Amino acid sequence: ADSAMYLAKEEGKNDLRFFSADIKTQSVERLMLEAGLRHALEHGELA
């Protein structure tokens, strides 16, 4: 429910979202992307 709620917030607030497997996949992908970008910043991979 928390994962679905954060999606409702990201998409403009004052709304509702039902949990789905897609939300879970998006959440994992986002965490991986954030970790990758932090690594890229630390290792000079951004130009």
All heavy atoms as atom14 arrays in JSON, in Angstrom:
{
  "sequence": "ADSAMYLAKEEGKNDLRFFSADIKTQSVERLMLEAGLRHALEHGELA",
  "atom14_mask": [
    [1, 1, 1, 1, 1, 0, 0, 0, 0, 0, 0, 0, 0, 0],
    [1, 1, 1, 1, 1, 1, 1, 1, 0, 0, 0, 0, 0, 0],
    [1, 1, 1, 1, 1, 1, 0, 0, 0, 0, 0, 0, 0, 0],
    [1, 1, 1, 1, 1, 0, 0, 0, 0, 0, 0, 0, 0, 0],
    [1, 1, 1, 1, 1, 1, 1, 1, 0, 0, 0, 0, 0, 0],
    [1, 1, 1, 1, 1, 1, 1, 1, 1, 1, 1, 1, 0, 0],
    [1, 1, 1, 1, 1, 1, 1, 1, 0, 0, 0, 0, 0, 0],
    [1, 1, 1, 1, 1, 0, 0, 0, 0, 0, 0, 0, 0, 0],
    [1, 1, 1, 1, 1, 1, 1, 1, 1, 0, 0, 0, 0, 0],
    [1, 1, 1, 1, 1, 1, 1, 1, 1, 0, 0, 0, 0, 0],
    [1, 1, 1, 1, 1, 1, 1, 1, 1, 0, 0, 0, 0, 0],
    [1, 1, 1, 1, 0, 0, 0, 0, 0, 0, 0, 0, 0, 0],
    [1, 1, 1, 1, 1, 1, 1, 1, 1, 0, 0, 0, 0, 0],
    [1, 1, 1, 1, 1, 1, 1, 1, 0, 0, 0, 0, 0, 0],
    [1, 1, 1, 1, 1, 1, 1, 1, 0, 0, 0, 0, 0, 0],
    [1, 1, 1, 1, 1, 1, 1, 1, 0, 0, 0, 0, 0, 0],
    [1, 1, 1, 1, 1, 1, 1, 1, 1, 1, 1, 0, 0, 0],
    [1, 1, 1, 1, 1, 1, 1, 1, 1, 1, 1, 0, 0, 0],
    [1, 1, 1, 1, 1, 1, 1, 1, 1, 1, 1, 0, 0, 0],
    [1, 1, 1, 1, 1, 1, 0, 0, 0, 0, 0, 0, 0, 0],
    [1, 1, 1, 1, 1, 0, 0, 0, 0, 0, 0, 0, 0, 0],
    [1, 1, 1, 1, 1, 1, 1, 1, 0, 0, 0, 0, 0, 0],
    [1, 1, 1, 1, 1, 1, 1, 1, 0, 0, 0, 0, 0, 0],
    [1, 1, 1, 1, 1, 1, 1, 1, 1, 0, 0, 0, 0, 0],
    [1, 1, 1, 1, 1, 1, 1, 0, 0, 0, 0, 0, 0, 0],
    [1, 1, 1, 1, 1, 1, 1, 1, 1, 0, 0, 0, 0, 0],
    [1, 1, 1, 1, 1, 1, 0, 0, 0, 0, 0, 0, 0, 0],
    [1, 1, 1, 1, 1, 1, 1, 0, 0, 0, 0, 0, 0, 0],
    [1, 1, 1, 1, 1, 1, 1, 1, 1, 0, 0, 0, 0, 0],
    [1, 1, 1, 1, 1, 1, 1, 1, 1, 1, 1, 0, 0, 0],
    [1, 1, 1, 1, 1, 1, 1, 1, 0, 0, 0, 0, 0, 0],
    [1, 1, 1, 1, 1, 1, 1, 1, 0, 0, 0, 0, 0, 0],
    [1, 1, 1, 1, 1, 1, 1, 1, 0, 0, 0, 0, 0, 0],
    [1, 1, 1, 1, 1, 1, 1, 1, 1, 0, 0, 0, 0, 0],
    [1, 1, 1, 1, 1, 0, 0, 0, 0, 0, 0, 0, 0, 0],
    [1, 1, 1, 1, 0, 0, 0, 0, 0, 0, 0, 0, 0, 0],
    [1, 1, 1, 1, 1, 1, 1, 1, 0, 0, 0, 0, 0, 0],
    [1, 1, 1, 1, 1, 1, 1, 1, 1, 1, 1, 0, 0, 0],
    [1, 1, 1, 1, 1, 1, 1, 1, 1, 1, 0, 0, 0, 0],
    [1, 1, 1, 1, 1, 0, 0, 0, 0, 0, 0, 0, 0, 0],
    [1, 1, 1, 1, 1, 1, 1, 1, 0, 0, 0, 0, 0, 0],
    [1, 1, 1, 1, 1, 1, 1, 1, 1, 0, 0, 0, 0, 0],
    [1, 1, 1, 1, 1, 1, 1, 1, 1, 1, 0, 0, 0, 0],
    [1, 1, 1, 1, 0, 0, 0, 0, 0, 0, 0, 0, 0, 0],
    [1, 1, 1, 1, 1, 1, 1, 1, 1, 0, 0, 0, 0, 0],
    [1, 1, 1, 1, 1, 1, 1, 1, 0, 0, 0, 0, 0, 0],
    [1, 1, 1, 1, 1, 0, 0, 0, 0, 0, 0, 0, 0, 0]
  ],
  "atom14_positions": [
    [[0.84, -1.2, 0.0], [0.0, 0.0, 0.0], [0.87, 1.25, 0.0], [0.57, 2.24, -0.68], [-0.94, -0.01, 1.2], [0.0, 0.0, 0.0], [0.0, 0.0, 0.0], [0.0, 0.0, 0.0], [0.0, 0.0, 0.0], [0.0, 0.0, 0.0], [0.0, 0.0, 0.0], [0.0, 0.0, 0.0], [0.0, 0.0, 0.0], [0.0, 0.0, 0.0]],
    [[1.98, 1.21, 0.75], [2.93, 2.32, 0.78], [3.51, 2.59, -0.61], [3.62, 3.74, -1.02], [4.07, 1.98, 1.75], [4.23, 3.0, 2.84], [3.28, 3.76, 3.1], [5.32, 3.04, 3.43], [0.0, 0.0, 0.0], [0.0, 0.0, 0.0], [0.0, 0.0, 0.0], [0.0, 0.0, 0.0], [0.0, 0.0, 0.0], [0.0, 0.0, 0.0]],
    [[3.89, 1.54, -1.32], [4.43, 1.7, -2.68], [3.41, 2.36, -3.59], [3.74, 3.27, -4.36], [4.82, 0.33, -3.26], [5.87, -0.24, -2.55], [0.0, 0.0, 0.0], [0.0, 0.0, 0.0], [0.0, 0.0, 0.0], [0.0, 0.0, 0.0], [0.0, 0.0, 0.0], [0.0, 0.0, 0.0], [0.0, 0.0, 0.0], [0.0, 0.0, 0.0]],
    [[2.17, 1.94, -3.49], [1.11, 2.53, -4.31], [0.87, 3.99, -3.91], [0.64, 4.85, -4.77], [-0.18, 1.71, -4.17], [0.0, 0.0, 0.0], [0.0, 0.0, 0.0], [0.0, 0.0, 0.0], [0.0, 0.0, 0.0], [0.0, 0.0, 0.0], [0.0, 0.0, 0.0], [0.0, 0.0, 0.0], [0.0, 0.0, 0.0], [0.0, 0.0, 0.0]],
    [[0.94, 4.27, -2.61], [0.73, 5.64, -2.12], [1.82, 6.57, -2.66], [1.54, 7.7, -3.08], [0.71, 5.64, -0.59], [0.45, 6.99, 0.04], [1.94, 7.9, 0.47], [2.75, 6.8, 1.59], [0.0, 0.0, 0.0], [0.0, 0.0, 0.0], [0.0, 0.0, 0.0], [0.0, 0.0, 0.0], [0.0, 0.0, 0.0], [0.0, 0.0, 0.0]],
    [[3.08, 6.12, -2.66], [4.15, 6.97, -3.17], [3.97, 7.25, -4.66], [4.28, 8.34, -5.13], [5.53, 6.37, -2.87], [5.92, 6.58, -1.44], [6.08, 5.51, -0.57], [6.1, 7.86, -0.93], [6.42, 5.71, 0.76], [6.44, 8.08, 0.4], [6.6, 7.0, 1.23], [6.93, 7.21, 2.55], [0.0, 0.0, 0.0], [0.0, 0.0, 0.0]],
    [[3.42, 6.3, -5.39], [3.12, 6.54, -6.8], [2.02, 7.6, -6.94], [2.12, 8.49, -7.78], [2.7, 5.24, -7.49], [2.38, 5.36, -8.98], [3.61, 5.82, -9.77], [1.86, 4.04, -9.52], [0.0, 0.0, 0.0], [0.0, 0.0, 0.0], [0.0, 0.0, 0.0], [0.0, 0.0, 0.0], [0.0, 0.0, 0.0], [0.0, 0.0, 0.0]],
    [[1.0, 7.54, -6.1], [-0.06, 8.56, -6.12], [0.53, 9.94, -5.84], [0.15, 10.92, -6.46], [-1.15, 8.22, -5.1], [0.0, 0.0, 0.0], [0.0, 0.0, 0.0], [0.0, 0.0, 0.0], [0.0, 0.0, 0.0], [0.0, 0.0, 0.0], [0.0, 0.0, 0.0], [0.0, 0.0, 0.0], [0.0, 0.0, 0.0], [0.0, 0.0, 0.0]],
    [[1.48, 10.01, -4.9], [2.15, 11.29, -4.6], [2.95, 11.78, -5.8], [2.88, 12.96, -6.16], [3.08, 11.14, -3.39], [2.37, 11.26, -2.08], [3.39, 11.49, -0.97], [2.73, 11.71, 0.35], [1.88, 12.89, 0.42], [0.0, 0.0, 0.0], [0.0, 0.0, 0.0], [0.0, 0.0, 0.0], [0.0, 0.0, 0.0], [0.0, 0.0, 0.0]],
    [[3.72, 10.88, -6.41], [4.55, 11.25, -7.56], [3.72, 11.73, -8.73], [4.15, 12.59, -9.5], [5.38, 10.05, -8.02], [6.57, 9.74, -7.15], [7.31, 8.49, -7.63], [7.16, 8.11, -8.81], [8.02, 7.9, -6.8], [0.0, 0.0, 0.0], [0.0, 0.0, 0.0], [0.0, 0.0, 0.0], [0.0, 0.0, 0.0], [0.0, 0.0, 0.0]],
    [[2.52, 11.2, -8.87], [1.68, 11.53, -10.02], [0.74, 12.69, -9.75], [-0.23, 12.87, -10.47], [0.92, 10.28, -10.48], [1.84, 9.22, -11.05], [1.12, 7.99, -11.56], [-0.1, 7.85, -11.29], [1.77, 7.16, -12.2], [0.0, 0.0, 0.0], [0.0, 0.0, 0.0], [0.0, 0.0, 0.0], [0.0, 0.0, 0.0], [0.0, 0.0, 0.0]],
    [[1.0, 13.47, -8.71], [0.24, 14.69, -8.51], [-0.51, 14.83, -7.21], [-1.14, 15.84, -6.97], [0.0, 0.0, 0.0], [0.0, 0.0, 0.0], [0.0, 0.0, 0.0], [0.0, 0.0, 0.0], [0.0, 0.0, 0.0], [0.0, 0.0, 0.0], [0.0, 0.0, 0.0], [0.0, 0.0, 0.0], [0.0, 0.0, 0.0], [0.0, 0.0, 0.0]],
    [[-0.52, 13.82, -6.38], [-1.17, 13.87, -5.07], [-2.69, 13.94, -5.18], [-3.24, 13.97, -6.26], [-0.64, 15.04, -4.24], [0.85, 14.99, -4.05], [1.35, 16.17, -3.25], [2.86, 16.04, -3.12], [3.51, 17.22, -2.72], [0.0, 0.0, 0.0], [0.0, 0.0, 0.0], [0.0, 0.0, 0.0], [0.0, 0.0, 0.0], [0.0, 0.0, 0.0]],
    [[-3.35, 13.93, -4.01], [-4.82, 13.99, -3.92], [-5.48, 12.95, -4.82], [-6.43, 13.25, -5.53], [-5.33, 15.39, -4.24], [-6.8, 15.54, -3.85], [-7.26, 14.95, -2.89], [-7.52, 16.35, -4.6], [0.0, 0.0, 0.0], [0.0, 0.0, 0.0], [0.0, 0.0, 0.0], [0.0, 0.0, 0.0], [0.0, 0.0, 0.0], [0.0, 0.0, 0.0]],
    [[-4.97, 11.74, -4.77], [-5.53, 10.67, -5.58], [-5.21, 9.33, -4.93], [-4.59, 9.28, -3.87], [-4.97, 10.72, -7.0], [-5.92, 10.11, -8.03], [-6.99, 9.57, -7.65], [-5.59, 10.17, -9.22], [0.0, 0.0, 0.0], [0.0, 0.0, 0.0], [0.0, 0.0, 0.0], [0.0, 0.0, 0.0], [0.0, 0.0, 0.0], [0.0, 0.0, 0.0]],
    [[-5.63, 8.27, -5.58], [-5.38, 6.93, -5.05], [-4.79, 6.05, -6.13], [-4.98, 6.3, -7.32], [-6.68, 6.32, -4.52], [-7.81, 6.13, -5.54], [-7.82, 4.72, -6.09], [-9.13, 6.43, -4.87], [0.0, 0.0, 0.0], [0.0, 0.0, 0.0], [0.0, 0.0, 0.0], [0.0, 0.0, 0.0], [0.0, 0.0, 0.0], [0.0, 0.0, 0.0]],
    [[-4.05, 5.05, -5.7], [-3.5, 4.04, -6.6], [-3.62, 2.68, -5.92], [-3.37, 2.56, -4.72], [-2.03, 4.29, -6.91], [-1.75, 5.52, -7.74], [-2.26, 5.35, -9.18], [-2.03, 6.55, -9.96], [-2.87, 7.57, -10.05], [-4.01, 7.55, -9.37], [-2.6, 8.61, -10.78], [0.0, 0.0, 0.0], [0.0, 0.0, 0.0], [0.0, 0.0, 0.0]],
    [[-3.97, 1.69, -6.71], [-3.96, 0.31, -6.24], [-2.57, -0.26, -6.49], [-1.94, 0.05, -7.51], [-5.0, -0.53, -6.99], [-6.4, -0.35, -6.5], [-7.18, 0.69, -6.98], [-6.94, -1.21, -5.56], [-8.48, 0.87, -6.53], [-8.24, -1.05, -5.1], [-9.01, 0.0, -5.59], [0.0, 0.0, 0.0], [0.0, 0.0, 0.0], [0.0, 0.0, 0.0]],
    [[-2.11, -1.12, -5.6], [-0.84, -1.79, -5.79], [-0.94, -2.72, -6.99], [-1.98, -3.3, -7.28], [-0.46, -2.6, -4.55], [0.82, -3.36, -4.72], [2.03, -2.7, -4.62], [0.81, -4.71, -5.05], [3.22, -3.38, -4.81], [2.0, -5.39, -5.24], [3.2, -4.74, -5.11], [0.0, 0.0, 0.0], [0.0, 0.0, 0.0], [0.0, 0.0, 0.0]],
    [[0.17, -2.85, -7.71], [0.27, -3.81, -8.81], [1.71, -4.28, -8.91], [2.62, -3.64, -8.37], [-0.17, -3.17, -10.14], [0.8, -2.23, -10.55], [0.0, 0.0, 0.0], [0.0, 0.0, 0.0], [0.0, 0.0, 0.0], [0.0, 0.0, 0.0], [0.0, 0.0, 0.0], [0.0, 0.0, 0.0], [0.0, 0.0, 0.0], [0.0, 0.0, 0.0]],
    [[1.92, -5.36, -9.61], [3.28, -5.87, -9.81], [4.13, -4.84, -10.54], [5.34, -4.74, -10.3], [3.24, -7.18, -10.59], [0.0, 0.0, 0.0], [0.0, 0.0, 0.0], [0.0, 0.0, 0.0], [0.0, 0.0, 0.0], [0.0, 0.0, 0.0], [0.0, 0.0, 0.0], [0.0, 0.0, 0.0], [0.0, 0.0, 0.0], [0.0, 0.0, 0.0]],
    [[3.51, -4.04, -11.43], [4.25, -2.99, -12.14], [4.83, -1.97, -11.19], [5.95, -1.49, -11.39], [3.35, -2.28, -13.15], [2.98, -3.15, -14.33], [3.65, -4.17, -14.55], [2.02, -2.79, -15.05], [0.0, 0.0, 0.0], [0.0, 0.0, 0.0], [0.0, 0.0, 0.0], [0.0, 0.0, 0.0], [0.0, 0.0, 0.0], [0.0, 0.0, 0.0]],
    [[4.09, -1.62, -10.16], [4.57, -0.65, -9.17], [5.81, -1.19, -8.49], [6.8, -0.49, -8.3], [3.47, -0.3, -8.15], [2.37, 0.52, -8.81], [4.05, 0.45, -6.95], [1.17, 0.79, -7.92], [0.0, 0.0, 0.0], [0.0, 0.0, 0.0], [0.0, 0.0, 0.0], [0.0, 0.0, 0.0], [0.0, 0.0, 0.0], [0.0, 0.0, 0.0]],
    [[5.77, -2.46, -8.12], [6.92, -3.07, -7.45], [8.14, -3.07, -8.38], [9.24, -2.72, -7.97], [6.59, -4.5, -7.01], [7.64, -5.12, -6.15], [7.17, -6.44, -5.59], [8.2, -6.97, -4.61], [7.73, -8.15, -3.91], [0.0, 0.0, 0.0], [0.0, 0.0, 0.0], [0.0, 0.0, 0.0], [0.0, 0.0, 0.0], [0.0, 0.0, 0.0]],
    [[7.94, -3.41, -9.65], [9.03, -3.42, -10.62], [9.59, -2.02, -10.8], [10.81, -1.83, -10.81], [8.52, -3.97, -11.98], [8.02, -5.29, -11.77], [9.62, -4.01, -13.01], [0.0, 0.0, 0.0], [0.0, 0.0, 0.0], [0.0, 0.0, 0.0], [0.0, 0.0, 0.0], [0.0, 0.0, 0.0], [0.0, 0.0, 0.0], [0.0, 0.0, 0.0]],
    [[8.72, -1.01, -10.92], [9.16, 0.37, -11.08], [9.96, 0.82, -9.87], [10.97, 1.52, -10.0], [7.96, 1.31, -11.26], [7.27, 1.21, -12.58], [5.99, 2.03, -12.61], [5.55, 2.6, -11.61], [5.35, 2.07, -13.78], [0.0, 0.0, 0.0], [0.0, 0.0, 0.0], [0.0, 0.0, 0.0], [0.0, 0.0, 0.0], [0.0, 0.0, 0.0]],
    [[9.53, 0.42, -8.69], [10.2, 0.79, -7.46], [11.62, 0.22, -7.42], [12.57, 0.93, -7.09], [9.4, 0.3, -6.26], [10.02, 0.66, -5.07], [0.0, 0.0, 0.0], [0.0, 0.0, 0.0], [0.0, 0.0, 0.0], [0.0, 0.0, 0.0], [0.0, 0.0, 0.0], [0.0, 0.0, 0.0], [0.0, 0.0, 0.0], [0.0, 0.0, 0.0]],
    [[11.77, -1.04, -7.77], [13.09, -1.67, -7.79], [13.98, -1.01, -8.84], [15.15, -0.71, -8.59], [12.96, -3.2, -8.03], [14.32, -3.82, -8.3], [12.3, -3.86, -6.83], [0.0, 0.0, 0.0], [0.0, 0.0, 0.0], [0.0, 0.0, 0.0], [0.0, 0.0, 0.0], [0.0, 0.0, 0.0], [0.0, 0.0, 0.0], [0.0, 0.0, 0.0]],
    [[13.41, -0.77, -10.03], [14.18, -0.13, -11.1], [14.64, 1.26, -10.69], [15.77, 1.67, -10.97], [13.35, -0.06, -12.38], [13.18, -1.4, -13.06], [12.23, -1.35, -14.24], [11.6, -0.29, -14.48], [12.1, -2.39, -14.91], [0.0, 0.0, 0.0], [0.0, 0.0, 0.0], [0.0, 0.0, 0.0], [0.0, 0.0, 0.0], [0.0, 0.0, 0.0]],
    [[13.77, 1.99, -10.02], [14.12, 3.34, -9.59], [15.26, 3.31, -8.56], [16.2, 4.11, -8.64], [12.9, 4.04, -9.0], [13.17, 5.46, -8.59], [11.95, 6.09, -7.93], [12.2, 7.48, -7.75], [11.44, 8.43, -8.22], [10.37, 8.15, -8.9], [11.74, 9.69, -8.01], [0.0, 0.0, 0.0], [0.0, 0.0, 0.0], [0.0, 0.0, 0.0]],
    [[15.18, 2.38, -7.61], [16.25, 2.25, -6.62], [17.58, 1.92, -7.29], [18.63, 2.45, -6.92], [15.9, 1.19, -5.58], [14.87, 1.58, -4.54], [14.48, 0.37, -3.69], [15.38, 2.71, -3.66], [0.0, 0.0, 0.0], [0.0, 0.0, 0.0], [0.0, 0.0, 0.0], [0.0, 0.0, 0.0], [0.0, 0.0, 0.0], [0.0, 0.0, 0.0]],
    [[17.53, 1.02, -8.27], [18.76, 0.64, -8.98], [19.32, 1.83, -9.76], [20.53, 2.05, -9.78], [18.49, -0.54, -9.9], [18.25, -1.84, -9.14], [17.77, -3.23, -10.2], [19.16, -3.33, -11.3], [0.0, 0.0, 0.0], [0.0, 0.0, 0.0], [0.0, 0.0, 0.0], [0.0, 0.0, 0.0], [0.0, 0.0, 0.0], [0.0, 0.0, 0.0]],
    [[18.45, 2.6, -10.39], [18.89, 3.77, -11.14], [19.51, 4.81, -10.21], [20.56, 5.37, -10.5], [17.72, 4.38, -11.92], [18.04, 5.64, -12.73], [19.08, 5.35, -13.8], [16.77, 6.18, -13.38], [0.0, 0.0, 0.0], [0.0, 0.0, 0.0], [0.0, 0.0, 0.0], [0.0, 0.0, 0.0], [0.0, 0.0, 0.0], [0.0, 0.0, 0.0]],
    [[18.86, 5.07, -9.06], [19.4, 6.02, -8.09], [20.77, 5.59, -7.6], [21.69, 6.4, -7.51], [18.44, 6.18, -6.91], [17.2, 6.98, -7.24], [16.23, 7.06, -6.08], [16.59, 6.71, -4.94], [15.08, 7.47, -6.32], [0.0, 0.0, 0.0], [0.0, 0.0, 0.0], [0.0, 0.0, 0.0], [0.0, 0.0, 0.0], [0.0, 0.0, 0.0]],
    [[20.92, 4.31, -7.28], [22.21, 3.79, -6.82], [23.26, 3.92, -7.93], [24.41, 4.32, -7.67], [22.08, 2.34, -6.38], [0.0, 0.0, 0.0], [0.0, 0.0, 0.0], [0.0, 0.0, 0.0], [0.0, 0.0, 0.0], [0.0, 0.0, 0.0], [0.0, 0.0, 0.0], [0.0, 0.0, 0.0], [0.0, 0.0, 0.0], [0.0, 0.0, 0.0]],
    [[22.86, 3.63, -9.16], [23.77, 3.75, -10.29], [24.22, 5.19, -10.52], [25.39, 5.45, -10.8], [0.0, 0.0, 0.0], [0.0, 0.0, 0.0], [0.0, 0.0, 0.0], [0.0, 0.0, 0.0], [0.0, 0.0, 0.0], [0.0, 0.0, 0.0], [0.0, 0.0, 0.0], [0.0, 0.0, 0.0], [0.0, 0.0, 0.0], [0.0, 0.0, 0.0]],
    [[23.29, 6.13, -10.39], [23.65, 7.54, -10.56], [24.58, 8.04, -9.46], [25.49, 8.82, -9.71], [22.38, 8.41, -10.64], [21.66, 8.35, -11.98], [20.3, 9.04, -11.89], [22.5, 8.98, -13.07], [0.0, 0.0, 0.0], [0.0, 0.0, 0.0], [0.0, 0.0, 0.0], [0.0, 0.0, 0.0], [0.0, 0.0, 0.0], [0.0, 0.0, 0.0]],
    [[24.34, 7.59, -8.23], [25.26, 7.97, -7.14], [26.67, 7.45, -7.44], [27.65, 8.15, -7.25], [24.76, 7.41, -5.81], [23.65, 8.22, -5.21], [23.36, 7.83, -3.77], [22.2, 8.55, -3.3], [20.94, 8.17, -3.46], [20.68, 7.03, -4.06], [19.95, 8.89, -3.01], [0.0, 0.0, 0.0], [0.0, 0.0, 0.0], [0.0, 0.0, 0.0]],
    [[26.74, 6.21, -7.91], [28.02, 5.61, -8.28], [28.67, 6.42, -9.41], [29.87, 6.7, -9.38], [27.82, 4.15, -8.7], [29.08, 3.46, -9.06], [29.57, 3.44, -10.34], [29.98, 2.76, -8.3], [30.7, 2.76, -10.37], [30.97, 2.35, -9.14], [0.0, 0.0, 0.0], [0.0, 0.0, 0.0], [0.0, 0.0, 0.0], [0.0, 0.0, 0.0]],
    [[27.85, 6.8, -10.41], [28.36, 7.57, -11.54], [28.93, 8.91, -11.09], [29.99, 9.34, -11.57], [27.24, 7.78, -12.56], [0.0, 0.0, 0.0], [0.0, 0.0, 0.0], [0.0, 0.0, 0.0], [0.0, 0.0, 0.0], [0.0, 0.0, 0.0], [0.0, 0.0, 0.0], [0.0, 0.0, 0.0], [0.0, 0.0, 0.0], [0.0, 0.0, 0.0]],
    [[28.25, 9.57, -10.16], [28.76, 10.85, -9.64], [30.09, 10.66, -8.92], [31.03, 11.45, -9.1], [27.74, 11.47, -8.67], [26.57, 12.2, -9.3], [25.51, 12.52, -8.25], [27.04, 13.47, -9.99], [0.0, 0.0, 0.0], [0.0, 0.0, 0.0], [0.0, 0.0, 0.0], [0.0, 0.0, 0.0], [0.0, 0.0, 0.0], [0.0, 0.0, 0.0]],
    [[30.16, 9.63, -8.1], [31.37, 9.36, -7.32], [32.55, 8.97, -8.19], [33.7, 9.21, -7.83], [31.1, 8.26, -6.28], [30.14, 8.68, -5.19], [29.64, 7.51, -4.35], [30.08, 6.35, -4.59], [28.8, 7.75, -3.46], [0.0, 0.0, 0.0], [0.0, 0.0, 0.0], [0.0, 0.0, 0.0], [0.0, 0.0, 0.0], [0.0, 0.0, 0.0]],
    [[32.3, 8.38, -9.36], [33.38, 7.86, -10.2], [33.56, 8.63, -11.5], [34.21, 8.15, -12.43], [33.13, 6.37, -10.49], [33.25, 5.53, -9.25], [32.17, 5.24, -8.46], [34.34, 4.96, -8.67], [32.57, 4.51, -7.43], [33.87, 4.33, -7.53], [0.0, 0.0, 0.0], [0.0, 0.0, 0.0], [0.0, 0.0, 0.0], [0.0, 0.0, 0.0]],
    [[32.99, 9.83, -11.58], [33.2, 10.69, -12.74], [32.68, 10.13, -14.05], [33.29, 10.35, -15.09], [0.0, 0.0, 0.0], [0.0, 0.0, 0.0], [0.0, 0.0, 0.0], [0.0, 0.0, 0.0], [0.0, 0.0, 0.0], [0.0, 0.0, 0.0], [0.0, 0.0, 0.0], [0.0, 0.0, 0.0], [0.0, 0.0, 0.0], [0.0, 0.0, 0.0]],
    [[31.57, 9.43, -14.01], [31.02, 8.82, -15.22], [30.05, 9.73, -15.97], [29.54, 9.35, -17.01], [30.33, 7.49, -14.87], [31.27, 6.44, -14.33], [30.54, 5.2, -13.84], [29.29, 5.13, -13.93], [31.24, 4.29, -13.34], [0.0, 0.0, 0.0], [0.0, 0.0, 0.0], [0.0, 0.0, 0.0], [0.0, 0.0, 0.0], [0.0, 0.0, 0.0]],
    [[29.79, 10.92, -15.42], [28.88, 11.86, -16.07], [29.7, 12.91, -16.8], [30.68, 13.43, -16.27], [27.95, 12.51, -15.05], [27.05, 11.56, -14.27], [26.23, 12.33, -13.26], [26.15, 10.76, -15.18], [0.0, 0.0, 0.0], [0.0, 0.0, 0.0], [0.0, 0.0, 0.0], [0.0, 0.0, 0.0], [0.0, 0.0, 0.0], [0.0, 0.0, 0.0]],
    [[29.29, 13.23, -18.04], [30.02, 14.22, -18.83], [29.04, 15.27, -19.34], [27.94, 14.95, -19.79], [30.71, 13.53, -20.01], [0.0, 0.0, 0.0], [0.0, 0.0, 0.0], [0.0, 0.0, 0.0], [0.0, 0.0, 0.0], [0.0, 0.0, 0.0], [0.0, 0.0, 0.0], [0.0, 0.0, 0.0], [0.0, 0.0, 0.0], [0.0, 0.0, 0.0]]
  ]
}
